[in-house]
Protein backbone atom coordinates (compact mmCIF):
# COMPACT_ATOMS: atom_id res chain seq x y z
CA UNK A 1 -33.22 -13.49 84.73
CA UNK A 2 -33.57 -17.01 83.48
CA UNK A 3 -36.61 -17.11 81.11
CA UNK A 4 -37.62 -20.58 82.41
CA UNK A 5 -37.64 -19.42 85.94
CA UNK A 6 -39.61 -16.38 85.02
CA UNK A 7 -42.30 -18.51 83.32
CA UNK A 8 -42.56 -20.75 86.38
CA UNK A 9 -42.90 -17.78 88.66
CA UNK A 10 -45.76 -16.34 86.66
CA UNK A 11 -47.75 -19.61 86.77
CA UNK A 12 -49.96 -21.24 84.20
CA UNK A 13 -51.72 -18.97 81.62
CA UNK A 14 -55.36 -18.37 82.15
CA UNK A 15 -57.95 -19.39 79.42
CA UNK A 16 -60.68 -17.02 78.43
CA UNK A 17 -63.63 -18.40 76.31
CA UNK A 18 -64.17 -16.77 73.01
CA UNK A 19 -67.32 -14.76 72.25
CA UNK A 20 -70.02 -16.94 70.59
CA UNK A 21 -70.49 -16.47 66.87
CA UNK A 22 -73.91 -14.88 66.10
CA UNK A 23 -76.17 -17.10 64.13
CA UNK A 24 -78.26 -15.99 61.20
CA UNK A 25 -81.88 -15.38 62.01
CA UNK A 26 -84.39 -17.70 60.39
CA UNK A 27 -85.66 -16.90 56.90
CA UNK A 28 -88.93 -14.94 56.69
CA UNK A 29 -92.09 -16.63 55.52
CA UNK A 30 -91.63 -15.27 51.99
CA UNK A 31 -88.58 -17.52 51.45
CA UNK A 32 -86.16 -14.73 50.49
CA UNK A 33 -83.20 -14.19 52.79
CA UNK A 34 -82.17 -10.58 53.66
CA UNK A 35 -79.72 -8.94 51.31
CA UNK A 36 -77.44 -7.84 54.19
CA UNK A 37 -74.03 -9.54 54.28
CA UNK A 38 -73.94 -12.56 56.55
CA UNK A 39 -71.86 -12.66 59.68
CA UNK A 40 -68.27 -13.76 59.35
CA UNK A 41 -67.85 -17.51 59.03
CA UNK A 42 -71.24 -18.22 57.51
CA UNK A 43 -70.11 -18.21 53.86
CA UNK A 44 -71.67 -16.32 50.84
CA UNK A 45 -75.24 -14.95 50.99
CA UNK A 46 -78.08 -17.23 50.03
CA UNK A 47 -79.26 -17.00 46.42
CA UNK A 48 -82.98 -16.14 46.12
CA UNK A 49 -85.08 -18.76 44.35
CA UNK A 50 -85.93 -18.42 40.71
CA UNK A 51 -89.40 -16.81 40.21
CA UNK A 52 -92.04 -19.30 39.34
CA UNK A 53 -89.91 -22.23 40.39
CA UNK A 54 -90.88 -24.71 43.11
CA UNK A 55 -88.22 -25.18 45.75
CA UNK A 56 -87.84 -27.76 48.45
CA UNK A 57 -87.95 -26.68 52.10
CA UNK A 58 -84.65 -25.13 53.15
CA UNK A 59 -82.20 -27.45 54.85
CA UNK A 60 -80.16 -24.83 56.64
CA UNK A 61 -78.98 -26.92 59.48
CA UNK A 62 -81.20 -24.96 61.99
CA UNK A 63 -84.14 -26.65 63.56
CA UNK A 64 -87.55 -25.02 63.32
CA UNK A 65 -86.87 -23.00 60.16
CA UNK A 66 -90.03 -22.29 58.14
CA UNK A 67 -90.30 -24.00 54.76
CA UNK A 68 -90.43 -21.99 51.54
CA UNK A 69 -93.81 -22.00 49.98
CA UNK A 70 -93.92 -23.24 46.36
CA UNK A 71 -96.00 -21.07 43.88
CA UNK A 72 -99.33 -22.38 42.69
CA UNK A 73 -99.24 -24.21 39.40
CA UNK A 74 -95.49 -24.88 39.57
CA UNK A 75 -93.84 -27.84 37.92
CA UNK A 76 -91.70 -30.40 39.77
CA UNK A 77 -88.76 -31.76 37.88
CA UNK A 78 -88.46 -35.46 37.32
CA UNK A 79 -85.18 -37.25 38.16
CA UNK A 80 -84.10 -37.24 34.52
CA UNK A 81 -84.88 -33.55 34.13
CA UNK A 82 -83.09 -32.79 37.35
CA UNK A 83 -80.01 -34.56 36.07
CA UNK A 84 -80.08 -32.51 32.86
CA UNK A 85 -80.48 -29.32 34.89
CA UNK A 86 -77.52 -30.29 37.03
CA UNK A 87 -75.41 -30.68 33.91
CA UNK A 88 -76.49 -27.24 32.69
CA UNK A 89 -75.87 -25.57 36.07
CA UNK A 90 -72.40 -27.22 36.07
CA UNK A 91 -71.69 -25.82 32.61
CA UNK A 92 -72.68 -22.28 33.80
CA UNK A 93 -70.12 -22.09 36.59
CA UNK A 94 -71.91 -23.82 39.45
CA UNK A 95 -70.14 -27.16 39.71
CA UNK A 96 -72.05 -29.84 41.67
CA UNK A 97 -70.63 -30.90 44.95
CA UNK A 98 -67.87 -33.52 44.59
CA UNK A 99 -66.75 -35.93 47.20
CA UNK A 100 -63.10 -35.95 47.96
CA UNK A 101 -61.13 -38.87 46.62
CA UNK A 102 -58.87 -40.72 49.10
CA UNK A 103 -58.66 -40.32 52.80
CA UNK A 104 -61.59 -40.23 55.15
CA UNK A 105 -64.94 -38.78 54.19
CA UNK A 106 -65.41 -35.28 55.64
CA UNK A 107 -68.08 -35.29 58.36
CA UNK A 108 -70.94 -32.80 58.17
CA UNK A 109 -70.09 -31.73 61.78
CA UNK A 110 -66.61 -30.60 60.75
CA UNK A 111 -67.81 -28.46 57.85
CA UNK A 112 -68.56 -24.81 58.52
CA UNK A 113 -72.11 -23.57 58.52
CA UNK A 114 -71.37 -21.42 55.46
CA UNK A 115 -70.17 -24.39 53.40
CA UNK A 116 -73.28 -26.35 54.35
CA UNK A 117 -75.58 -23.46 53.33
CA UNK A 118 -73.70 -22.95 50.05
CA UNK A 119 -73.99 -26.58 49.05
CA UNK A 120 -77.65 -26.77 50.03
CA UNK A 121 -78.42 -23.61 48.06
CA UNK A 122 -76.79 -25.09 45.01
CA UNK A 123 -78.90 -28.27 45.44
CA UNK A 124 -82.09 -26.15 45.55
CA UNK A 125 -81.11 -24.35 42.38
CA UNK A 126 -80.23 -27.60 40.60
CA UNK A 127 -83.55 -29.23 41.58
CA UNK A 128 -85.44 -26.16 40.16
CA UNK A 129 -86.27 -26.62 36.45
CA UNK A 130 -88.50 -24.01 34.85
CA UNK A 131 -90.93 -24.60 32.02
CA UNK A 132 -88.58 -22.95 29.57
CA UNK A 133 -85.84 -25.39 30.49
CA UNK A 134 -88.31 -28.26 30.11
CA UNK A 135 -88.93 -27.14 26.55
CA UNK A 136 -85.27 -27.09 25.74
CA UNK A 137 -84.39 -30.43 27.22
CA UNK A 138 -84.84 -32.27 23.86
CA UNK A 139 -82.52 -29.95 22.06
CA UNK A 140 -79.88 -30.34 24.72
CA UNK A 141 -79.37 -34.03 24.07
CA UNK A 142 -76.35 -35.22 22.07
CA UNK A 143 -77.84 -37.11 19.13
CA UNK A 144 -75.71 -39.75 17.33
CA UNK A 145 -78.15 -40.42 14.50
CA UNK A 146 -76.12 -42.22 11.91
CA UNK A 147 -79.26 -42.97 9.79
CA UNK A 148 -80.01 -39.22 9.51
CA UNK A 149 -76.35 -38.64 8.69
CA UNK A 150 -76.62 -41.13 5.87
CA UNK A 151 -79.68 -39.27 4.53
CA UNK A 152 -77.88 -36.01 4.66
CA UNK A 153 -74.45 -37.00 3.38
CA UNK A 154 -74.67 -40.53 1.87
CA UNK A 155 -72.03 -41.85 4.35
CA UNK A 156 -73.16 -45.23 5.73
CA UNK A 157 -73.27 -45.91 9.43
CA UNK A 158 -70.73 -48.68 9.10
CA UNK A 159 -68.15 -46.15 7.91
CA UNK A 160 -67.61 -45.23 11.61
CA UNK A 161 -66.86 -48.74 12.96
CA UNK A 162 -63.36 -48.75 14.38
CA UNK A 163 -60.56 -51.22 13.77
CA UNK A 164 -62.20 -53.20 10.99
CA UNK A 165 -58.94 -53.71 9.13
CA UNK A 166 -57.50 -57.18 9.77
CA UNK A 167 -54.08 -55.75 10.72
CA UNK A 168 -55.67 -53.55 13.46
CA UNK A 169 -58.45 -55.82 14.70
CA UNK A 170 -56.50 -57.79 17.28
CA UNK A 171 -54.13 -55.04 18.57
CA UNK A 172 -55.83 -55.11 22.00
CA UNK A 173 -56.09 -58.95 22.09
CA UNK A 174 -52.58 -60.24 22.31
CA UNK A 175 -53.34 -63.97 22.36
CA UNK A 176 -55.53 -63.72 19.29
CA UNK A 177 -52.98 -61.60 17.52
CA UNK A 178 -50.25 -64.14 18.21
CA UNK A 179 -52.59 -66.98 17.10
CA UNK A 180 -53.32 -65.26 13.81
CA UNK A 181 -49.67 -64.68 13.12
CA UNK A 182 -48.82 -68.30 13.75
CA UNK A 183 -51.66 -69.46 11.52
CA UNK A 184 -50.53 -67.10 8.77
CA UNK A 185 -46.98 -68.57 8.88
CA UNK A 186 -48.27 -72.11 8.45
CA UNK A 187 -50.75 -71.20 5.71
CA UNK A 188 -48.04 -69.32 3.79
CA UNK A 189 -45.57 -72.17 4.10
CA UNK A 190 -48.08 -74.80 2.90
CA UNK A 191 -49.75 -72.80 0.13
CA UNK A 192 -49.53 -74.41 -3.36
CA UNK A 193 -48.60 -72.20 -6.34
CA UNK A 194 -51.52 -70.39 -7.83
CA UNK A 195 -53.29 -72.55 -10.47
CA UNK A 196 -55.93 -71.46 -12.96
CA UNK A 197 -57.98 -72.84 -15.87
CA UNK A 198 -59.55 -70.68 -18.57
CA UNK A 199 -62.88 -72.42 -19.38
CA UNK A 200 -66.58 -71.93 -19.74
CA UNK A 201 -68.25 -73.84 -16.92
CA UNK A 202 -71.23 -74.65 -19.14
CA UNK A 203 -69.06 -76.85 -21.30
CA UNK A 204 -66.18 -77.70 -18.98
CA UNK A 205 -65.07 -81.29 -18.73
CA UNK A 206 -65.14 -81.99 -15.00
CA UNK A 207 -63.36 -85.39 -15.43
CA UNK A 208 -60.08 -83.49 -16.08
CA UNK A 209 -59.90 -82.57 -12.41
CA UNK A 210 -57.51 -85.08 -10.76
CA UNK A 211 -59.07 -85.08 -7.24
CA UNK A 212 -61.87 -84.07 -5.04
CA UNK A 213 -61.73 -80.86 -3.05
CA UNK A 214 -61.94 -79.92 0.63
CA UNK A 215 -63.21 -76.34 -0.04
CA UNK A 216 -65.24 -75.04 -2.97
CA UNK A 217 -65.88 -71.26 -3.35
CA UNK A 218 -68.62 -70.33 -5.81
CA UNK A 219 -69.64 -66.84 -6.99
CA UNK A 220 -72.12 -67.46 -9.86
CA UNK A 221 -73.45 -64.68 -12.09
CA UNK A 222 -76.85 -64.26 -10.44
CA UNK A 223 -79.57 -62.16 -12.07
CA UNK A 224 -79.09 -59.57 -9.37
CA UNK A 225 -75.61 -58.82 -10.64
CA UNK A 226 -76.91 -58.12 -14.14
CA UNK A 227 -79.77 -55.99 -12.86
CA UNK A 228 -77.64 -53.58 -10.88
CA UNK A 229 -75.12 -53.19 -13.70
CA UNK A 230 -77.52 -52.47 -16.59
CA UNK A 231 -75.86 -50.25 -19.16
CA UNK A 232 -72.46 -50.66 -17.69
CA UNK A 233 -69.59 -52.02 -19.89
CA UNK A 234 -67.80 -54.84 -18.16
CA UNK A 235 -65.06 -56.12 -20.50
CA UNK A 236 -63.36 -58.08 -17.75
CA UNK A 237 -66.53 -59.80 -16.45
CA UNK A 238 -69.20 -62.01 -18.05
CA UNK A 239 -72.38 -60.82 -16.37
CA UNK A 240 -74.78 -62.84 -18.50
CA UNK A 241 -77.02 -64.25 -15.75
CA UNK A 242 -77.38 -67.94 -14.96
CA UNK A 243 -80.67 -69.35 -13.93
CA UNK A 244 -81.09 -71.24 -10.68
CA UNK A 245 -81.48 -74.46 -12.63
CA UNK A 246 -78.19 -73.81 -14.52
CA UNK A 247 -76.38 -73.32 -11.25
CA UNK A 248 -77.87 -76.45 -9.73
CA UNK A 249 -76.72 -78.39 -12.76
CA UNK A 250 -73.05 -77.91 -11.80
CA UNK A 251 -71.76 -81.33 -10.58
CA UNK A 252 -70.40 -79.98 -7.24
CA UNK A 253 -71.48 -83.12 -5.37
CA UNK A 254 -69.06 -85.17 -7.59
CA UNK A 255 -66.01 -83.08 -7.05
CA UNK A 256 -66.51 -82.41 -3.29
CA UNK A 257 -64.74 -84.54 -0.69
CA UNK A 258 -66.87 -86.58 1.73
CA UNK A 259 -66.00 -84.12 4.44
CA UNK A 260 -65.93 -80.69 2.77
CA UNK A 261 -67.26 -77.19 2.81
CA UNK A 262 -68.89 -74.99 0.15
CA UNK A 263 -68.98 -71.12 0.27
CA UNK A 264 -71.70 -69.70 -1.96
CA UNK A 265 -72.08 -65.96 -2.66
CA UNK A 266 -75.71 -65.06 -3.27
CA UNK A 267 -76.00 -61.27 -3.07
CA UNK A 268 -79.18 -60.05 -1.33
CA UNK A 269 -82.06 -61.27 -3.52
CA UNK A 270 -81.12 -64.92 -3.89
CA UNK A 271 -80.88 -66.19 -0.28
CA UNK A 272 -83.74 -68.65 -0.63
CA UNK A 273 -82.44 -69.95 -4.06
CA UNK A 274 -78.91 -70.30 -2.64
CA UNK A 275 -80.22 -72.62 0.13
CA UNK A 276 -81.94 -74.80 -2.48
CA UNK A 277 -78.69 -74.89 -4.47
CA UNK A 278 -76.67 -76.06 -1.49
CA UNK A 279 -79.15 -78.76 -0.78
CA UNK A 280 -79.01 -79.95 -4.43
CA UNK A 281 -75.25 -80.16 -4.20
CA UNK A 282 -75.40 -82.27 -1.02
CA UNK A 283 -74.48 -79.60 1.56
CA UNK A 284 -76.27 -78.49 4.69
CA UNK A 285 -76.24 -74.77 5.43
CA UNK A 286 -74.41 -74.14 8.67
CA UNK A 287 -73.35 -70.43 8.54
CA UNK A 288 -74.19 -67.13 6.84
CA UNK A 289 -71.31 -64.70 6.39
CA UNK A 290 -72.53 -61.15 5.89
CA UNK A 291 -70.46 -58.59 4.04
CA UNK A 292 -71.26 -55.09 5.32
CA UNK A 293 -70.10 -52.55 2.67
CA UNK A 294 -68.69 -49.17 3.73
CA UNK A 295 -68.37 -46.33 1.29
CA UNK A 296 -65.74 -44.07 2.80
CA UNK A 297 -64.17 -43.31 -0.58
CA UNK A 298 -67.21 -43.11 -2.85
CA UNK A 299 -68.32 -39.56 -1.88
CA UNK A 300 -64.75 -38.31 -2.06
CA UNK A 301 -64.28 -39.68 -5.51
CA UNK A 302 -67.48 -38.09 -6.75
CA UNK A 303 -66.63 -34.77 -5.11
CA UNK A 304 -63.23 -34.87 -6.80
CA UNK A 305 -64.99 -35.36 -10.13
CA UNK A 306 -67.09 -32.23 -9.30
CA UNK A 307 -70.38 -34.18 -9.56
CA UNK A 308 -73.40 -31.87 -9.07
CA UNK A 309 -74.97 -34.53 -6.77
CA UNK A 310 -72.08 -36.39 -5.14
CA UNK A 311 -74.41 -38.59 -3.07
CA UNK A 312 -77.18 -39.30 -5.57
CA UNK A 313 -75.46 -42.31 -7.12
CA UNK A 314 -75.06 -43.92 -3.75
CA UNK A 315 -78.86 -44.42 -3.47
CA UNK A 316 -80.56 -47.63 -4.61
CA UNK A 317 -83.91 -46.81 -6.05
CA UNK A 318 -84.96 -50.41 -6.73
CA UNK A 319 -85.51 -51.43 -3.14
CA UNK A 320 -87.47 -50.23 -0.06
CA UNK A 321 -84.27 -50.03 2.00
CA UNK A 322 -80.75 -49.07 1.03
CA UNK A 323 -78.95 -52.31 0.43
CA UNK A 324 -75.43 -52.28 1.82
CA UNK A 325 -74.84 -55.98 2.45
CA UNK A 326 -74.19 -59.25 0.58
CA UNK A 327 -74.33 -62.78 1.88
CA UNK A 328 -72.17 -65.78 1.56
CA UNK A 329 -73.77 -69.10 2.68
CA UNK A 330 -71.53 -71.83 4.12
CA UNK A 331 -72.55 -75.46 3.50
CA UNK A 332 -71.05 -78.53 5.13
CA UNK A 333 -70.97 -82.03 3.67
CA UNK A 334 -70.52 -85.10 5.85
CA UNK A 335 -70.20 -85.31 9.59
CA UNK A 336 -67.70 -82.85 11.04
CA UNK A 337 -67.39 -82.34 14.84
CA UNK A 338 -65.51 -79.43 16.30
CA UNK A 339 -64.39 -81.38 19.38
CA UNK A 340 -63.12 -84.42 17.44
CA UNK A 341 -62.06 -83.13 14.01
CA UNK A 342 -59.44 -80.62 14.98
CA UNK A 343 -57.17 -81.92 12.20
CA UNK A 344 -59.73 -80.72 9.62
CA UNK A 345 -61.17 -77.50 11.07
CA UNK A 346 -60.21 -74.75 13.54
CA UNK A 347 -63.53 -73.21 14.55
CA UNK A 348 -64.35 -69.84 16.16
CA UNK A 349 -61.29 -67.98 14.93
CA UNK A 350 -63.30 -65.45 12.96
CA UNK A 351 -66.72 -63.70 13.12
CA UNK A 352 -69.48 -64.14 10.51
CA UNK A 353 -69.36 -60.43 9.56
CA UNK A 354 -66.96 -58.77 7.16
CA UNK A 355 -66.84 -54.93 7.20
CA UNK A 356 -64.85 -53.58 4.22
CA UNK A 357 -64.96 -50.96 1.55
CA UNK A 358 -67.16 -51.65 -1.49
CA UNK A 359 -65.39 -51.69 -4.90
CA UNK A 360 -64.52 -48.36 -6.53
CA UNK A 361 -66.55 -49.47 -9.53
CA UNK A 362 -70.05 -49.61 -8.07
CA UNK A 363 -71.14 -52.13 -10.72
CA UNK A 364 -68.30 -54.60 -10.01
CA UNK A 365 -68.92 -58.02 -8.52
CA UNK A 366 -65.64 -58.00 -6.64
CA UNK A 367 -65.80 -59.52 -3.16
CA UNK A 368 -63.62 -58.83 -0.13
CA UNK A 369 -60.34 -60.73 -0.04
CA UNK A 370 -60.76 -61.29 3.67
CA UNK A 371 -63.01 -64.20 2.90
CA UNK A 372 -60.04 -66.14 1.60
CA UNK A 373 -58.24 -65.66 4.94
CA UNK A 374 -61.34 -66.80 6.82
CA UNK A 375 -61.53 -70.02 4.76
CA UNK A 376 -57.84 -70.80 5.04
CA UNK A 377 -57.85 -70.29 8.83
CA UNK A 378 -61.04 -72.36 9.27
CA UNK A 379 -60.53 -75.37 7.04
CA UNK A 380 -57.22 -77.23 7.16
CA UNK A 381 -57.83 -79.05 3.86
CA UNK A 382 -55.42 -77.72 1.22
CA UNK A 383 -57.37 -78.69 -1.90
CA UNK A 384 -59.25 -75.47 -2.58
CA UNK A 385 -61.28 -74.71 -5.70
CA UNK A 386 -62.91 -71.46 -6.86
CA UNK A 387 -65.53 -71.35 -9.61
CA UNK A 388 -66.53 -68.37 -11.81
CA UNK A 389 -63.24 -66.80 -10.89
CA UNK A 390 -61.63 -63.80 -12.59
CA UNK A 391 -57.97 -62.86 -13.06
CA UNK A 392 -58.09 -60.90 -9.85
CA UNK A 393 -59.11 -64.01 -7.96
CA UNK A 394 -56.02 -66.06 -8.86
CA UNK A 395 -54.30 -66.78 -5.55
CA UNK A 396 -51.65 -69.06 -4.06
CA UNK A 397 -53.21 -72.16 -2.50
CA UNK A 398 -56.20 -72.14 -4.89
CA UNK A 399 -57.26 -73.60 -8.22
CA UNK A 400 -59.38 -70.94 -10.00
CA UNK A 401 -61.68 -71.76 -12.96
CA UNK A 402 -63.40 -69.09 -15.05
CA UNK A 403 -63.98 -67.80 -18.58
CA UNK A 404 -62.37 -64.38 -17.91
CA UNK A 405 -58.91 -65.87 -16.88
CA UNK A 406 -56.20 -64.91 -19.25
CA UNK A 407 -54.43 -68.30 -19.61
CA UNK A 408 -54.29 -71.81 -18.24
CA UNK A 409 -51.27 -72.98 -16.17
CA UNK A 410 -52.83 -76.14 -14.69
CA UNK A 411 -51.33 -79.55 -14.84
CA UNK A 412 -53.52 -82.30 -13.48
CA UNK A 413 -50.63 -84.69 -12.76
CA UNK A 414 -48.44 -82.11 -11.09
CA UNK A 415 -51.35 -80.81 -9.04
CA UNK A 416 -52.21 -84.27 -7.72
CA UNK A 417 -48.57 -84.93 -6.71
CA UNK A 418 -48.59 -81.94 -4.30
CA UNK A 419 -51.10 -83.77 -2.09
CA UNK A 420 -49.60 -87.30 -2.11
CA UNK A 421 -48.98 -88.89 1.24
CA UNK A 422 -50.18 -88.15 4.81
CA UNK A 423 -47.65 -85.68 6.04
CA UNK A 424 -48.59 -82.27 7.45
CA UNK A 425 -47.00 -79.28 9.12
CA UNK A 426 -44.52 -79.19 10.90
CA UNK A 427 -43.14 -82.41 9.29
CA UNK A 428 -43.86 -80.92 5.86
CA UNK A 429 -42.49 -77.36 5.66
CA UNK A 430 -43.41 -76.78 1.98
CA UNK A 431 -46.51 -77.12 -0.25
CA UNK A 432 -45.51 -80.67 -1.24
CA UNK A 433 -46.97 -83.67 0.65
CA UNK A 434 -50.28 -84.36 2.39
CA UNK A 435 -53.73 -82.86 1.80
CA UNK A 436 -53.96 -81.37 5.33
CA UNK A 437 -52.44 -78.10 6.44
CA UNK A 438 -51.22 -79.17 9.85
CA UNK A 439 -50.73 -77.25 13.10
CA UNK A 440 -48.28 -76.61 15.96
CA UNK A 441 -48.40 -76.95 19.75
CA UNK A 442 -48.49 -73.16 20.08
CA UNK A 443 -51.54 -72.91 17.83
CA UNK A 444 -53.28 -75.70 19.62
CA UNK A 445 -52.78 -74.02 22.99
CA UNK A 446 -53.98 -70.68 21.79
CA UNK A 447 -56.95 -71.53 19.55
CA UNK A 448 -60.53 -71.90 20.88
CA UNK A 449 -61.51 -75.51 21.41
CA UNK A 450 -64.67 -77.40 22.40
CA UNK A 451 -64.26 -79.55 25.52
CA UNK A 452 -64.41 -83.31 24.82
CA UNK A 453 -67.77 -84.82 25.17
CA UNK A 454 -66.83 -87.20 27.95
CA UNK A 455 -65.77 -84.38 30.27
CA UNK A 456 -68.54 -82.01 29.58
CA UNK A 457 -70.62 -81.34 32.74
CA UNK A 458 -74.07 -82.78 32.68
CA UNK A 459 -77.17 -80.91 33.73
CA UNK A 460 -77.27 -82.73 37.11
CA UNK A 461 -73.60 -81.88 37.84
CA UNK A 462 -74.25 -78.21 37.08
CA UNK A 463 -77.12 -78.18 39.54
């Protein structure tokens, strides 16, 4: 027989309603559910509450269920303690309920009664924090105490700052990285050959200098340098301290251009004296560059030497706090505006903090070489002078004067000829011609600039 005809002859199938699913009886007044297995479809059995733990009224989804009585003298967890308890419960195999990502949110009506009861029981357990757990909550915290780590190991907190090296600093900032590379190319092309003069600055004839300078870097032998190197033999450095009056007597105001900058290292103890020195030289203090010293290699070197106390020498017993910084004050002479004098300065290219490793010789006065890069990127004047320099400070683009320099290679007439004329980059592609560095269209489009004063919004326009 044809199956289709047979199905038509039998007629439509009849529908028989399914038997109702038996519901769980309400919980007894004691708050503990019976241990018998639940009916099929209701999920796992309810977990009894922790003894001595206050529990919220059960939210079982059934109306009229009696609440669970909390024991007398119980403690109620605060929101912060409840959060810590949820983390602990999650770590012990009871993951908190998670909402599904994507799609529509699951309605409570479509979830089975067993799933609802299981989630509600987990919430009751999470909200319950016993007194023993309250006592452990302080020990459960993850402490990142760099100060205590310094006390224990001698490693300074700044050792853990990431990407402090100049070559890594701008890896995530592509525009700044491109800007720094373009600036480096221009500075390298326009840098004059390194010049140096071996002389004692107490008796030096300043009239032999053929020109005034746009940038002057000074690192005088302060008394602080001599105090922290007592007993150390320094054949390459003259650490005989100069008094503040001796430093003020240097004729810096005579050799500085009308628009110029002075960078003065002053350690930690001589900040006030350094401000007075800048004022005497005719400069106004405008910035304070802080050198934060890291000591990643100091402990390793001492451990390699099998020192009995590898971290003892890292302490400074002459101060109330452990001194790990030095300061370089920046002074400005004349009127220089960021919005109008873009031919002389490129502002806001660098920060006022240098994080770098301290010298291997803890008694050395060596400073980070990054300061030279900051100066060369900031000031576009090419006539740069460094006083109290050592042989390690001799650098292209600078004239260095100091008593510890090996020999003199300076010619006043030749040096002055390198800055003749008014040309600059890109017209001048070498170190000869013009006292200004120059710039390019790419650099001007990338570097930070102040808006011209005439188009700055006034207070009324902002309102």
